[in-house]
PDB file of all heavy atoms in Angstrom:
ATOM      1  N   LYS A   1     239.840 -43.400 -37.723  1.00  0.00           N
ATOM      2  CA  LYS A   1     238.931 -42.249 -37.713  1.00  0.00           C
ATOM      3  C   LYS A   1     238.099 -42.175 -38.991  1.00  0.00           C
ATOM      4  O   LYS A   1     236.913 -41.814 -38.950  1.00  0.00           O
ATOM      5  CB  LYS A   1     239.741 -40.963 -37.555  1.00  0.00           C
ATOM      6  CG  LYS A   1     240.266 -40.730 -36.149  1.00  0.00           C
ATOM      7  CD  LYS A   1     241.043 -39.429 -36.092  1.00  0.00           C
ATOM      8  CE  LYS A   1     241.559 -39.169 -34.674  1.00  0.00           C
ATOM      9  NZ  LYS A   1     242.366 -37.928 -34.608  1.00  0.00           N
ATOM     10  N   TYR A   2     238.713 -42.508 -40.120  1.00  0.00           N
ATOM     11  CA  TYR A   2     238.005 -42.379 -41.392  1.00  0.00           C
ATOM     12  C   TYR A   2     237.450 -43.719 -41.856  1.00  0.00           C
ATOM     13  O   TYR A   2     237.504 -44.075 -43.033  1.00  0.00           O
ATOM     14  CB  TYR A   2     238.939 -41.759 -42.442  1.00  0.00           C
ATOM     15  CG  TYR A   2     239.431 -40.396 -42.021  1.00  0.00           C
ATOM     16  CD1 TYR A   2     240.786 -40.103 -41.978  1.00  0.00           C
ATOM     17  CD2 TYR A   2     238.524 -39.420 -41.625  1.00  0.00           C
ATOM     18  CE1 TYR A   2     241.237 -38.857 -41.565  1.00  0.00           C
ATOM     19  CE2 TYR A   2     238.960 -38.175 -41.214  1.00  0.00           C
ATOM     20  CZ  TYR A   2     240.321 -37.894 -41.183  1.00  0.00           C
ATOM     21  OH  TYR A   2     240.741 -36.664 -40.769  1.00  0.00           O
ATOM     22  N   ARG A   3     236.918 -44.478 -40.896  1.00  0.00           N
ATOM     23  CA  ARG A   3     236.263 -45.740 -41.214  1.00  0.00           C
ATOM     24  C   ARG A   3     234.930 -45.460 -41.903  1.00  0.00           C
ATOM     25  O   ARG A   3     234.384 -44.355 -41.821  1.00  0.00           O
ATOM     26  CB  ARG A   3     236.043 -46.527 -39.929  1.00  0.00           C
ATOM     27  CG  ARG A   3     235.069 -45.845 -38.972  1.00  0.00           C
ATOM     28  CD  ARG A   3     235.168 -46.372 -37.576  1.00  0.00           C
ATOM     29  NE  ARG A   3     234.222 -45.693 -36.687  1.00  0.00           N
ATOM     30  CZ  ARG A   3     234.411 -44.481 -36.178  1.00  0.00           C
ATOM     31  NH1 ARG A   3     235.511 -43.816 -36.461  1.00  0.00           N
ATOM     32  NH2 ARG A   3     233.489 -43.943 -35.382  1.00  0.00           N
ATOM     33  N   ASP A   4     234.417 -46.454 -42.537  1.00  0.00           N
ATOM     34  CA  ASP A   4     233.116 -46.336 -43.210  1.00  0.00           C
ATOM     35  C   ASP A   4     232.039 -46.900 -42.263  1.00  0.00           C
ATOM     36  O   ASP A   4     231.945 -48.116 -42.060  1.00  0.00           O
ATOM     37  CB  ASP A   4     233.136 -47.118 -44.525  1.00  0.00           C
ATOM     38  CG  ASP A   4     231.908 -46.827 -45.380  1.00  0.00           C
ATOM     39  OD1 ASP A   4     230.935 -46.273 -44.837  1.00  0.00           O
ATOM     40  OD2 ASP A   4     231.948 -47.164 -46.578  1.00  0.00           O
ATOM     41  N   ILE A   5     231.247 -45.985 -41.669  1.00  0.00           N
ATOM     42  CA  ILE A   5     230.269 -46.401 -40.660  1.00  0.00           C
ATOM     43  C   ILE A   5     229.111 -47.198 -41.269  1.00  0.00           C
ATOM     44  O   ILE A   5     228.320 -47.811 -40.554  1.00  0.00           O
ATOM     45  CB  ILE A   5     229.718 -45.183 -39.891  1.00  0.00           C
ATOM     46  CG1 ILE A   5     229.071 -44.181 -40.851  1.00  0.00           C
ATOM     47  CG2 ILE A   5     230.833 -44.506 -39.104  1.00  0.00           C
ATOM     48  CD1 ILE A   5     228.422 -42.997 -40.166  1.00  0.00           C
ATOM     49  N   GLU A   6     229.032 -47.171 -42.616  1.00  0.00           N
ATOM     50  CA  GLU A   6     227.965 -47.920 -43.271  1.00  0.00           C
ATOM     51  C   GLU A   6     228.311 -49.400 -43.382  1.00  0.00           C
ATOM     52  O   GLU A   6     227.444 -50.218 -43.696  1.00  0.00           O
ATOM     53  CB  GLU A   6     227.699 -47.333 -44.661  1.00  0.00           C
ATOM     54  CG  GLU A   6     227.176 -45.898 -44.619  1.00  0.00           C
ATOM     55  CD  GLU A   6     226.948 -45.335 -46.006  1.00  0.00           C
ATOM     56  OE1 GLU A   6     227.216 -46.092 -46.984  1.00  0.00           O
ATOM     57  OE2 GLU A   6     226.512 -44.178 -46.126  1.00  0.00           O
ATOM     58  N   LYS A   7     229.595 -49.759 -43.152  1.00  0.00           N
ATOM     59  CA  LYS A   7     230.008 -51.153 -43.250  1.00  0.00           C
ATOM     60  C   LYS A   7     229.821 -51.848 -41.902  1.00  0.00           C
ATOM     61  O   LYS A   7     229.982 -51.235 -40.841  1.00  0.00           O
ATOM     62  CB  LYS A   7     231.459 -51.251 -43.706  1.00  0.00           C
ATOM     63  CG  LYS A   7     231.649 -50.748 -45.139  1.00  0.00           C
ATOM     64  CD  LYS A   7     233.107 -50.807 -45.576  1.00  0.00           C
ATOM     65  CE  LYS A   7     233.249 -50.293 -47.006  1.00  0.00           C
ATOM     66  NZ  LYS A   7     234.657 -50.259 -47.463  1.00  0.00           N
ATOM     67  N   LEU A   8     229.519 -53.122 -41.960  1.00  0.00           N
ATOM     68  CA  LEU A   8     229.265 -53.890 -40.750  1.00  0.00           C
ATOM     69  C   LEU A   8     230.510 -54.014 -39.879  1.00  0.00           C
ATOM     70  O   LEU A   8     230.426 -53.974 -38.649  1.00  0.00           O
ATOM     71  CB  LEU A   8     228.744 -55.295 -41.122  1.00  0.00           C
ATOM     72  CG  LEU A   8     227.368 -55.329 -41.794  1.00  0.00           C
ATOM     73  CD1 LEU A   8     227.012 -56.755 -42.200  1.00  0.00           C
ATOM     74  CD2 LEU A   8     226.299 -54.748 -40.868  1.00  0.00           C
ATOM     75  N   GLN A   9     231.667 -54.187 -40.506  1.00  0.00           N
ATOM     76  CA  GLN A   9     232.902 -54.377 -39.762  1.00  0.00           C
ATOM     77  C   GLN A   9     233.998 -53.469 -40.342  1.00  0.00           C
ATOM     78  O   GLN A   9     234.254 -53.481 -41.532  1.00  0.00           O
ATOM     79  CB  GLN A   9     233.369 -55.831 -39.845  1.00  0.00           C
ATOM     80  CG  GLN A   9     234.676 -56.105 -39.119  1.00  0.00           C
ATOM     81  CD  GLN A   9     234.572 -55.914 -37.610  1.00  0.00           C
ATOM     82  OE1 GLN A   9     233.704 -56.510 -36.961  1.00  0.00           O
ATOM     83  NE2 GLN A   9     235.389 -55.074 -37.043  1.00  0.00           N
ATOM     84  N   SER A  10     234.620 -52.658 -39.460  1.00  0.00           N
ATOM     85  CA  SER A  10     235.752 -51.809 -39.877  1.00  0.00           C
ATOM     86  C   SER A  10     237.047 -52.548 -39.557  1.00  0.00           C
ATOM     87  O   SER A  10     237.205 -53.077 -38.457  1.00  0.00           O
ATOM     88  CB  SER A  10     235.715 -50.473 -39.135  1.00  0.00           C
ATOM     89  OG  SER A  10     234.562 -49.748 -39.501  1.00  0.00           O
ATOM     90  N   LYS A  11     237.944 -52.581 -40.527  1.00  0.00           N
ATOM     91  CA  LYS A  11     239.185 -53.334 -40.371  1.00  0.00           C
ATOM     92  C   LYS A  11     240.396 -52.473 -40.729  1.00  0.00           C
ATOM     93  O   LYS A  11     240.333 -51.634 -41.628  1.00  0.00           O
ATOM     94  CB  LYS A  11     239.169 -54.572 -41.278  1.00  0.00           C
ATOM     95  CG  LYS A  11     238.052 -55.550 -40.976  1.00  0.00           C
ATOM     96  CD  LYS A  11     238.113 -56.738 -41.929  1.00  0.00           C
ATOM     97  CE  LYS A  11     236.996 -57.734 -41.623  1.00  0.00           C
ATOM     98  NZ  LYS A  11     237.044 -58.904 -42.550  1.00  0.00           N
ATOM     99  N   VAL A  12     241.498 -52.736 -40.019  1.00  0.00           N
ATOM    100  CA  VAL A  12     242.798 -52.148 -40.329  1.00  0.00           C
ATOM    101  C   VAL A  12     243.816 -53.274 -40.305  1.00  0.00           C
ATOM    102  O   VAL A  12     243.908 -54.016 -39.304  1.00  0.00           O
ATOM    103  CB  VAL A  12     243.201 -51.053 -39.318  1.00  0.00           C
ATOM    104  CG1 VAL A  12     244.609 -50.543 -39.638  1.00  0.00           C
ATOM    105  CG2 VAL A  12     242.210 -49.898 -39.347  1.00  0.00           C
ATOM    106  N   ALA A  13     244.547 -53.434 -41.392  1.00  0.00           N
ATOM    107  CA  ALA A  13     245.560 -54.488 -41.489  1.00  0.00           C
ATOM    108  C   ALA A  13     246.943 -53.856 -41.660  1.00  0.00           C
ATOM    109  O   ALA A  13     247.132 -52.967 -42.495  1.00  0.00           O
ATOM    110  CB  ALA A  13     245.267 -55.407 -42.670  1.00  0.00           C
ATOM    111  N   ILE A  14     247.888 -54.313 -40.845  1.00  0.00           N
ATOM    112  CA  ILE A  14     249.276 -53.849 -40.940  1.00  0.00           C
ATOM    113  C   ILE A  14     250.100 -55.022 -41.468  1.00  0.00           C
ATOM    114  O   ILE A  14     250.303 -56.020 -40.763  1.00  0.00           O
ATOM    115  CB  ILE A  14     249.801 -53.376 -39.572  1.00  0.00           C
ATOM    116  CG1 ILE A  14     248.863 -52.314 -38.998  1.00  0.00           C
ATOM    117  CG2 ILE A  14     251.223 -52.840 -39.704  1.00  0.00           C
ATOM    118  CD1 ILE A  14     249.054 -52.060 -37.537  1.00  0.00           C
ATOM    119  N   LEU A  15     250.527 -54.924 -42.716  1.00  0.00           N
ATOM    120  CA  LEU A  15     251.152 -56.033 -43.415  1.00  0.00           C
ATOM    121  C   LEU A  15     252.605 -55.704 -43.738  1.00  0.00           C
ATOM    122  O   LEU A  15     252.941 -54.550 -44.056  1.00  0.00           O
ATOM    123  CB  LEU A  15     250.402 -56.345 -44.713  1.00  0.00           C
ATOM    124  CG  LEU A  15     248.878 -56.510 -44.585  1.00  0.00           C
ATOM    125  CD1 LEU A  15     248.242 -56.704 -45.954  1.00  0.00           C
ATOM    126  CD2 LEU A  15     248.546 -57.690 -43.672  1.00  0.00           C
ATOM    127  N   GLY A  16     253.468 -56.707 -43.660  1.00  0.00           N
ATOM    128  CA  GLY A  16     254.882 -56.504 -43.987  1.00  0.00           C
ATOM    129  C   GLY A  16     255.424 -57.659 -44.795  1.00  0.00           C
ATOM    130  O   GLY A  16     255.098 -58.822 -44.547  1.00  0.00           O
ATOM    131  N   ARG A  17     256.290 -57.343 -45.763  1.00  0.00           N
ATOM    132  CA  ARG A  17     256.884 -58.395 -46.582  1.00  0.00           C
ATOM    133  C   ARG A  17     258.209 -57.899 -47.166  1.00  0.00           C
ATOM    134  O   ARG A  17     258.444 -56.697 -47.296  1.00  0.00           O
ATOM    135  CB  ARG A  17     255.943 -58.805 -47.712  1.00  0.00           C
ATOM    136  CG  ARG A  17     255.616 -57.662 -48.686  1.00  0.00           C
ATOM    137  CD  ARG A  17     254.751 -58.139 -49.812  1.00  0.00           C
ATOM    138  NE  ARG A  17     254.468 -57.032 -50.739  1.00  0.00           N
ATOM    139  CZ  ARG A  17     253.832 -57.180 -51.897  1.00  0.00           C
ATOM    140  NH1 ARG A  17     253.400 -58.385 -52.262  1.00  0.00           N
ATOM    141  NH2 ARG A  17     253.636 -56.139 -52.682  1.00  0.00           N
ATOM    142  N   TRP A  18     259.054 -58.867 -47.525  1.00  0.00           N
ATOM    143  CA  TRP A  18     260.347 -58.554 -48.124  1.00  0.00           C
ATOM    144  C   TRP A  18     260.201 -58.382 -49.633  1.00  0.00           C
ATOM    145  O   TRP A  18     259.512 -59.152 -50.294  1.00  0.00           O
ATOM    146  CB  TRP A  18     261.352 -59.676 -47.842  1.00  0.00           C
ATOM    147  CG  TRP A  18     261.916 -59.624 -46.455  1.00  0.00           C
ATOM    148  CD1 TRP A  18     261.467 -60.284 -45.364  1.00  0.00           C
ATOM    149  CD2 TRP A  18     263.042 -58.864 -46.032  1.00  0.00           C
ATOM    150  NE1 TRP A  18     262.222 -59.996 -44.261  1.00  0.00           N
ATOM    151  CE2 TRP A  18     263.213 -59.123 -44.646  1.00  0.00           C
ATOM    152  CE3 TRP A  18     263.920 -57.991 -46.670  1.00  0.00           C
ATOM    153  CZ2 TRP A  18     264.225 -58.547 -43.903  1.00  0.00           C
ATOM    154  CZ3 TRP A  18     264.934 -57.418 -45.928  1.00  0.00           C
ATOM    155  CH2 TRP A  18     265.080 -57.692 -44.571  1.00  0.00           C
ATOM    156  N   GLU A  19     260.863 -57.380 -50.162  1.00  0.00           N
ATOM    157  CA  GLU A  19     261.028 -57.211 -51.605  1.00  0.00           C
ATOM    158  C   GLU A  19     262.525 -57.258 -51.898  1.00  0.00           C
ATOM    159  O   GLU A  19     263.349 -57.313 -50.991  1.00  0.00           O
ATOM    160  CB  GLU A  19     260.407 -55.899 -52.073  1.00  0.00           C
ATOM    161  CG  GLU A  19     258.894 -55.823 -51.910  1.00  0.00           C
ATOM    162  CD  GLU A  19     258.157 -56.789 -52.826  1.00  0.00           C
ATOM    163  OE1 GLU A  19     258.760 -57.232 -53.829  1.00  0.00           O
ATOM    164  OE2 GLU A  19     256.988 -57.114 -52.528  1.00  0.00           O
ATOM    165  N   SER A  20     262.890 -57.190 -53.188  1.00  0.00           N
ATOM    166  CA  SER A  20     264.301 -57.378 -53.567  1.00  0.00           C
ATOM    167  C   SER A  20     265.212 -56.311 -52.977  1.00  0.00           C
ATOM    168  O   SER A  20     266.315 -56.608 -52.510  1.00  0.00           O
ATOM    169  CB  SER A  20     264.429 -57.395 -55.094  1.00  0.00           C
ATOM    170  OG  SER A  20     263.952 -56.169 -55.642  1.00  0.00           O
ATOM    171  N   GLN A  21     264.771 -55.056 -52.975  1.00  0.00           N
ATOM    172  CA  GLN A  21     265.639 -53.959 -52.539  1.00  0.00           C
ATOM    173  C   GLN A  21     265.157 -53.276 -51.266  1.00  0.00           C
ATOM    174  O   GLN A  21     265.771 -52.290 -50.846  1.00  0.00           O
ATOM    175  CB  GLN A  21     265.747 -52.907 -53.666  1.00  0.00           C
ATOM    176  CG  GLN A  21     266.362 -53.417 -54.958  1.00  0.00           C
ATOM    177  CD  GLN A  21     267.788 -53.906 -54.764  1.00  0.00           C
ATOM    178  OE1 GLN A  21     268.568 -53.308 -54.011  1.00  0.00           O
ATOM    179  NE2 GLN A  21     268.150 -54.993 -55.419  1.00  0.00           N
ATOM    180  N   HIS A  22     264.098 -53.751 -50.665  1.00  0.00           N
ATOM    181  CA  HIS A  22     263.560 -53.073 -49.481  1.00  0.00           C
ATOM    182  C   HIS A  22     262.598 -53.995 -48.731  1.00  0.00           C
ATOM    183  O   HIS A  22     262.237 -55.073 -49.222  1.00  0.00           O
ATOM    184  CB  HIS A  22     262.844 -51.775 -49.890  1.00  0.00           C
ATOM    185  CG  HIS A  22     261.720 -52.015 -50.858  1.00  0.00           C
ATOM    186  ND1 HIS A  22     261.891 -51.900 -52.219  1.00  0.00           N
ATOM    187  CD2 HIS A  22     260.425 -52.368 -50.671  1.00  0.00           C
ATOM    188  CE1 HIS A  22     260.753 -52.170 -52.831  1.00  0.00           C
ATOM    189  NE2 HIS A  22     259.838 -52.459 -51.912  1.00  0.00           N
ATOM    190  N   TYR A  23     262.226 -53.526 -47.543  1.00  0.00           N
ATOM    191  CA  TYR A  23     261.147 -54.184 -46.795  1.00  0.00           C
ATOM    192  C   TYR A  23     259.935 -53.278 -46.884  1.00  0.00           C
ATOM    193  O   TYR A  23     260.028 -52.058 -46.651  1.00  0.00           O
ATOM    194  CB  TYR A  23     261.531 -54.416 -45.339  1.00  0.00           C
ATOM    195  CG  TYR A  23     260.540 -55.291 -44.595  1.00  0.00           C
ATOM    196  CD1 TYR A  23     260.621 -56.662 -44.686  1.00  0.00           C
ATOM    197  CD2 TYR A  23     259.529 -54.728 -43.821  1.00  0.00           C
ATOM    198  CE1 TYR A  23     259.712 -57.483 -44.013  1.00  0.00           C
ATOM    199  CE2 TYR A  23     258.617 -55.524 -43.156  1.00  0.00           C
ATOM    200  CZ  TYR A  23     258.709 -56.906 -43.254  1.00  0.00           C
ATOM    201  OH  TYR A  23     257.801 -57.709 -42.600  1.00  0.00           O
ATOM    202  N   GLU A  24     258.799 -53.863 -47.217  1.00  0.00           N
ATOM    203  CA  GLU A  24     257.586 -53.079 -47.464  1.00  0.00           C
ATOM    204  C   GLU A  24     256.587 -53.328 -46.346  1.00  0.00           C
ATOM    205  O   GLU A  24     256.247 -54.470 -46.045  1.00  0.00           O
ATOM    206  CB  GLU A  24     256.995 -53.500 -48.814  1.00  0.00           C
ATOM    207  CG  GLU A  24     255.727 -52.756 -49.185  1.00  0.00           C
ATOM    208  CD  GLU A  24     255.206 -53.219 -50.544  1.00  0.00           C
ATOM    209  OE1 GLU A  24     255.936 -53.070 -51.549  1.00  0.00           O
ATOM    210  OE2 GLU A  24     254.078 -53.751 -50.583  1.00  0.00           O
ATOM    211  N   ILE A  25     256.137 -52.243 -45.727  1.00  0.00           N
ATOM    212  CA  ILE A  25     255.107 -52.350 -44.690  1.00  0.00           C
ATOM    213  C   ILE A  25     253.962 -51.425 -45.074  1.00  0.00           C
ATOM    214  O   ILE A  25     254.171 -50.273 -45.465  1.00  0.00           O
ATOM    215  CB  ILE A  25     255.672 -52.004 -43.294  1.00  0.00           C
ATOM    216  CG1 ILE A  25     254.596 -52.210 -42.226  1.00  0.00           C
ATOM    217  CG2 ILE A  25     256.251 -50.600 -43.243  1.00  0.00           C
ATOM    218  CD1 ILE A  25     255.156 -52.221 -40.808  1.00  0.00           C
ATOM    219  N   SER A  26     252.739 -51.944 -44.992  1.00  0.00           N
ATOM    220  CA  SER A  26     251.579 -51.165 -45.425  1.00  0.00           C
ATOM    221  C   SER A  26     250.484 -51.196 -44.372  1.00  0.00           C
ATOM    222  O   SER A  26     250.332 -52.168 -43.627  1.00  0.00           O
ATOM    223  CB  SER A  26     251.045 -51.699 -46.760  1.00  0.00           C
ATOM    224  OG  SER A  26     250.682 -53.064 -46.645  1.00  0.00           O
ATOM    225  N   ILE A  27     249.737 -50.097 -44.319  1.00  0.00           N
ATOM    226  CA  ILE A  27     248.577 -49.972 -43.432  1.00  0.00           C
ATOM    227  C   ILE A  27     247.360 -49.872 -44.347  1.00  0.00           C
ATOM    228  O   ILE A  27     247.201 -48.885 -45.080  1.00  0.00           O
ATOM    229  CB  ILE A  27     248.683 -48.746 -42.509  1.00  0.00           C
ATOM    230  CG1 ILE A  27     249.828 -48.937 -41.491  1.00  0.00           C
ATOM    231  CG2 ILE A  27     247.377 -48.527 -41.768  1.00  0.00           C
ATOM    232  CD1 ILE A  27     251.159 -48.427 -41.981  1.00  0.00           C
ATOM    233  N   GLU A  28     246.511 -50.883 -44.317  1.00  0.00           N
ATOM    234  CA  GLU A  28     245.344 -50.941 -45.194  1.00  0.00           C
ATOM    235  C   GLU A  28     244.072 -50.886 -44.353  1.00  0.00           C
ATOM    236  O   GLU A  28     244.008 -51.462 -43.264  1.00  0.00           O
ATOM    237  CB  GLU A  28     245.362 -52.231 -46.026  1.00  0.00           C
ATOM    238  CG  GLU A  28     246.601 -52.395 -46.900  1.00  0.00           C
ATOM    239  CD  GLU A  28     246.564 -53.675 -47.705  1.00  0.00           C
ATOM    240  OE1 GLU A  28     245.445 -54.225 -47.904  1.00  0.00           O
ATOM    241  OE2 GLU A  28     247.643 -54.142 -48.124  1.00  0.00           O
ATOM    242  N   ASP A  29     243.074 -50.175 -44.881  1.00  0.00           N
ATOM    243  CA  ASP A  29     241.775 -50.126 -44.190  1.00  0.00           C
ATOM    244  C   ASP A  29     240.657 -50.306 -45.206  1.00  0.00           C
ATOM    245  O   ASP A  29     240.879 -50.251 -46.414  1.00  0.00           O
ATOM    246  CB  ASP A  29     241.628 -48.808 -43.422  1.00  0.00           C
ATOM    247  CG  ASP A  29     241.612 -47.589 -44.339  1.00  0.00           C
ATOM    248  OD1 ASP A  29     240.717 -47.518 -45.207  1.00  0.00           O
ATOM    249  OD2 ASP A  29     242.502 -46.719 -44.187  1.00  0.00           O
ATOM    250  N   ASN A  30     239.464 -50.520 -44.713  1.00  0.00           N
ATOM    251  CA  ASN A  30     238.279 -50.612 -45.581  1.00  0.00           C
ATOM    252  C   ASN A  30     237.364 -49.428 -45.330  1.00  0.00           C
ATOM    253  O   ASN A  30     236.138 -49.544 -45.320  1.00  0.00           O
ATOM    254  CB  ASN A  30     237.547 -51.949 -45.360  1.00  0.00           C
ATOM    255  CG  ASN A  30     236.974 -52.055 -43.949  1.00  0.00           C
ATOM    256  OD1 ASN A  30     237.414 -51.359 -43.036  1.00  0.00           O
ATOM    257  ND2 ASN A  30     235.991 -52.935 -43.756  1.00  0.00           N
ATOM    258  N   GLY A  31     237.998 -48.264 -45.129  1.00  0.00           N
ATOM    259  CA  GLY A  31     237.249 -47.053 -44.804  1.00  0.00           C
ATOM    260  C   GLY A  31     236.631 -46.382 -46.006  1.00  0.00           C
ATOM    261  O   GLY A  31     236.425 -46.981 -47.059  1.00  0.00           O
ATOM    262  N   ILE A  32     236.374 -45.093 -45.855  1.00  0.00           N
ATOM    263  CA  ILE A  32     235.611 -44.358 -46.878  1.00  0.00           C
ATOM    264  C   ILE A  32     236.450 -44.044 -48.119  1.00  0.00           C
ATOM    265  O   ILE A  32     235.910 -43.721 -49.167  1.00  0.00           O
ATOM    266  CB  ILE A  32     235.066 -43.038 -46.293  1.00  0.00           C
ATOM    267  CG1 ILE A  32     236.212 -42.187 -45.759  1.00  0.00           C
ATOM    268  CG2 ILE A  32     234.045 -43.315 -45.216  1.00  0.00           C
ATOM    269  CD1 ILE A  32     235.770 -40.846 -45.229  1.00  0.00           C
ATOM    270  N   GLY A  33     237.794 -44.143 -48.011  1.00  0.00           N
ATOM    271  CA  GLY A  33     238.655 -43.933 -49.170  1.00  0.00           C
ATOM    272  C   GLY A  33     238.829 -42.469 -49.536  1.00  0.00           C
ATOM    273  O   GLY A  33     238.251 -41.562 -48.928  1.00  0.00           O
ATOM    274  N   ILE A  34     239.645 -42.248 -50.575  1.00  0.00           N
ATOM    275  CA  ILE A  34     239.988 -40.893 -51.021  1.00  0.00           C
ATOM    276  C   ILE A  34     239.868 -40.841 -52.541  1.00  0.00           C
ATOM    277  O   ILE A  34     240.208 -41.803 -53.240  1.00  0.00           O
ATOM    278  CB  ILE A  34     241.434 -40.523 -50.613  1.00  0.00           C
ATOM    279  CG1 ILE A  34     241.633 -40.703 -49.107  1.00  0.00           C
ATOM    280  CG2 ILE A  34     241.781 -39.098 -51.013  1.00  0.00           C
ATOM    281  CD1 ILE A  34     243.081 -40.611 -48.667  1.00  0.00           C
ATOM    282  N   GLU A  35     239.379 -39.719 -53.045  1.00  0.00           N
ATOM    283  CA  GLU A  35     239.290 -39.542 -54.492  1.00  0.00           C
ATOM    284  C   GLU A  35     240.689 -39.563 -55.119  1.00  0.00           C
ATOM    285  O   GLU A  35     241.660 -39.099 -54.521  1.00  0.00           O
ATOM    286  CB  GLU A  35     238.614 -38.206 -54.825  1.00  0.00           C
ATOM    287  CG  GLU A  35     237.150 -38.114 -54.418  1.00  0.00           C
ATOM    288  CD  GLU A  35     236.242 -38.948 -55.312  1.00  0.00           C
ATOM    289  OE1 GLU A  35     236.705 -39.364 -56.405  1.00  0.00           O
ATOM    290  OE2 GLU A  35     235.097 -39.200 -54.910  1.00  0.00           O
ATOM    291  N   GLU A  36     240.777 -40.090 -56.345  1.00  0.00           N
ATOM    292  CA  GLU A  36     242.074 -40.231 -57.021  1.00  0.00           C
ATOM    293  C   GLU A  36     242.761 -38.869 -57.220  1.00  0.00           C
ATOM    294  O   GLU A  36     243.976 -38.749 -57.088  1.00  0.00           O
ATOM    295  CB  GLU A  36     241.877 -40.920 -58.371  1.00  0.00           C
ATOM    296  CG  GLU A  36     243.182 -41.172 -59.118  1.00  0.00           C
ATOM    297  CD  GLU A  36     242.960 -41.882 -60.434  1.00  0.00           C
ATOM    298  OE1 GLU A  36     241.801 -42.269 -60.720  1.00  0.00           O
ATOM    299  OE2 GLU A  36     243.939 -42.030 -61.181  1.00  0.00           O
ATOM    300  N   LYS A  37     241.999 -37.826 -57.522  1.00  0.00           N
ATOM    301  CA  LYS A  37     242.571 -36.512 -57.780  1.00  0.00           C
ATOM    302  C   LYS A  37     243.186 -35.883 -56.528  1.00  0.00           C
ATOM    303  O   LYS A  37     243.964 -34.941 -56.614  1.00  0.00           O
ATOM    304  CB  LYS A  37     241.514 -35.578 -58.368  1.00  0.00           C
ATOM    305  CG  LYS A  37     240.357 -35.297 -57.416  1.00  0.00           C
ATOM    306  CD  LYS A  37     239.330 -34.385 -58.059  1.00  0.00           C
ATOM    307  CE  LYS A  37     238.162 -34.121 -57.103  1.00  0.00           C
ATOM    308  NZ  LYS A  37     237.145 -33.236 -57.714  1.00  0.00           N
ATOM    309  N   GLU A  38     242.799 -36.416 -55.341  1.00  0.00           N
ATOM    310  CA  GLU A  38     243.273 -35.843 -54.089  1.00  0.00           C
ATOM    311  C   GLU A  38     244.389 -36.664 -53.442  1.00  0.00           C
ATOM    312  O   GLU A  38     245.021 -36.211 -52.492  1.00  0.00           O
ATOM    313  CB  GLU A  38     242.115 -35.708 -53.090  1.00  0.00           C
ATOM    314  CG  GLU A  38     241.025 -34.754 -53.568  1.00  0.00           C
ATOM    315  CD  GLU A  38     239.854 -34.701 -52.604  1.00  0.00           C
ATOM    316  OE1 GLU A  38     239.519 -35.759 -52.039  1.00  0.00           O
ATOM    317  OE2 GLU A  38     239.315 -33.610 -52.404  1.00  0.00           O
ATOM    318  N   ILE A  39     244.660 -37.863 -53.973  1.00  0.00           N
ATOM    319  CA  ILE A  39     245.582 -38.784 -53.295  1.00  0.00           C
ATOM    320  C   ILE A  39     246.998 -38.224 -53.222  1.00  0.00           C
ATOM    321  O   ILE A  39     247.744 -38.492 -52.276  1.00  0.00           O
ATOM    322  CB  ILE A  39     245.559 -40.166 -54.007  1.00  0.00           C
ATOM    323  CG1 ILE A  39     246.174 -41.236 -53.090  1.00  0.00           C
ATOM    324  CG2 ILE A  39     246.285 -40.105 -55.339  1.00  0.00           C
ATOM    325  CD1 ILE A  39     245.354 -41.562 -51.903  1.00  0.00           C
ATOM    326  N   GLN A  40     247.431 -37.419 -54.243  1.00  0.00           N
ATOM    327  CA  GLN A  40     248.795 -36.889 -54.258  1.00  0.00           C
ATOM    328  C   GLN A  40     248.994 -35.731 -53.290  1.00  0.00           C
ATOM    329  O   GLN A  40     250.117 -35.320 -53.041  1.00  0.00           O
ATOM    330  CB  GLN A  40     249.147 -36.420 -55.689  1.00  0.00           C
ATOM    331  CG  GLN A  40     249.120 -37.534 -56.726  1.00  0.00           C
ATOM    332  CD  GLN A  40     250.082 -38.661 -56.406  1.00  0.00           C
ATOM    333  OE1 GLN A  40     251.175 -38.432 -55.891  1.00  0.00           O
ATOM    334  NE2 GLN A  40     249.679 -39.888 -56.706  1.00  0.00           N
ATOM    335  N   SER A  41     247.899 -35.188 -52.754  1.00  0.00           N
ATOM    336  CA  SER A  41     247.997 -33.995 -51.895  1.00  0.00           C
ATOM    337  C   SER A  41     247.821 -34.293 -50.414  1.00  0.00           C
ATOM    338  O   SER A  41     247.911 -33.381 -49.593  1.00  0.00           O
ATOM    339  CB  SER A  41     246.946 -32.960 -52.323  1.00  0.00           C
ATOM    340  OG  SER A  41     247.103 -32.612 -53.690  1.00  0.00           O
ATOM    341  N   ILE A  42     247.583 -35.542 -50.073  1.00  0.00           N
ATOM    342  CA  ILE A  42     247.234 -35.835 -48.677  1.00  0.00           C
ATOM    343  C   ILE A  42     248.408 -35.603 -47.721  1.00  0.00           C
ATOM    344  O   ILE A  42     248.195 -35.461 -46.514  1.00  0.00           O
ATOM    345  CB  ILE A  42     246.710 -37.278 -48.524  1.00  0.00           C
ATOM    346  CG1 ILE A  42     247.780 -38.289 -48.933  1.00  0.00           C
ATOM    347  CG2 ILE A  42     245.436 -37.473 -49.328  1.00  0.00           C
ATOM    348  CD1 ILE A  42     247.388 -39.730 -48.651  1.00  0.00           C
TER     349      ILE A  42
END
C-alpha cells in the first residue's frame, strides 16, 4: 500500500536467514519510507 508510485518498479522482498541465537525474517520494500523520528511509534 505504501509503495512509491514515482518509482518504475515497486518491490517487496521477504528474506530469511539463520543467526547464532535466532532465525531472522524480514520484509523489505522500496516504498516511500518513514521519517526516523516516527519509526519508534509505528
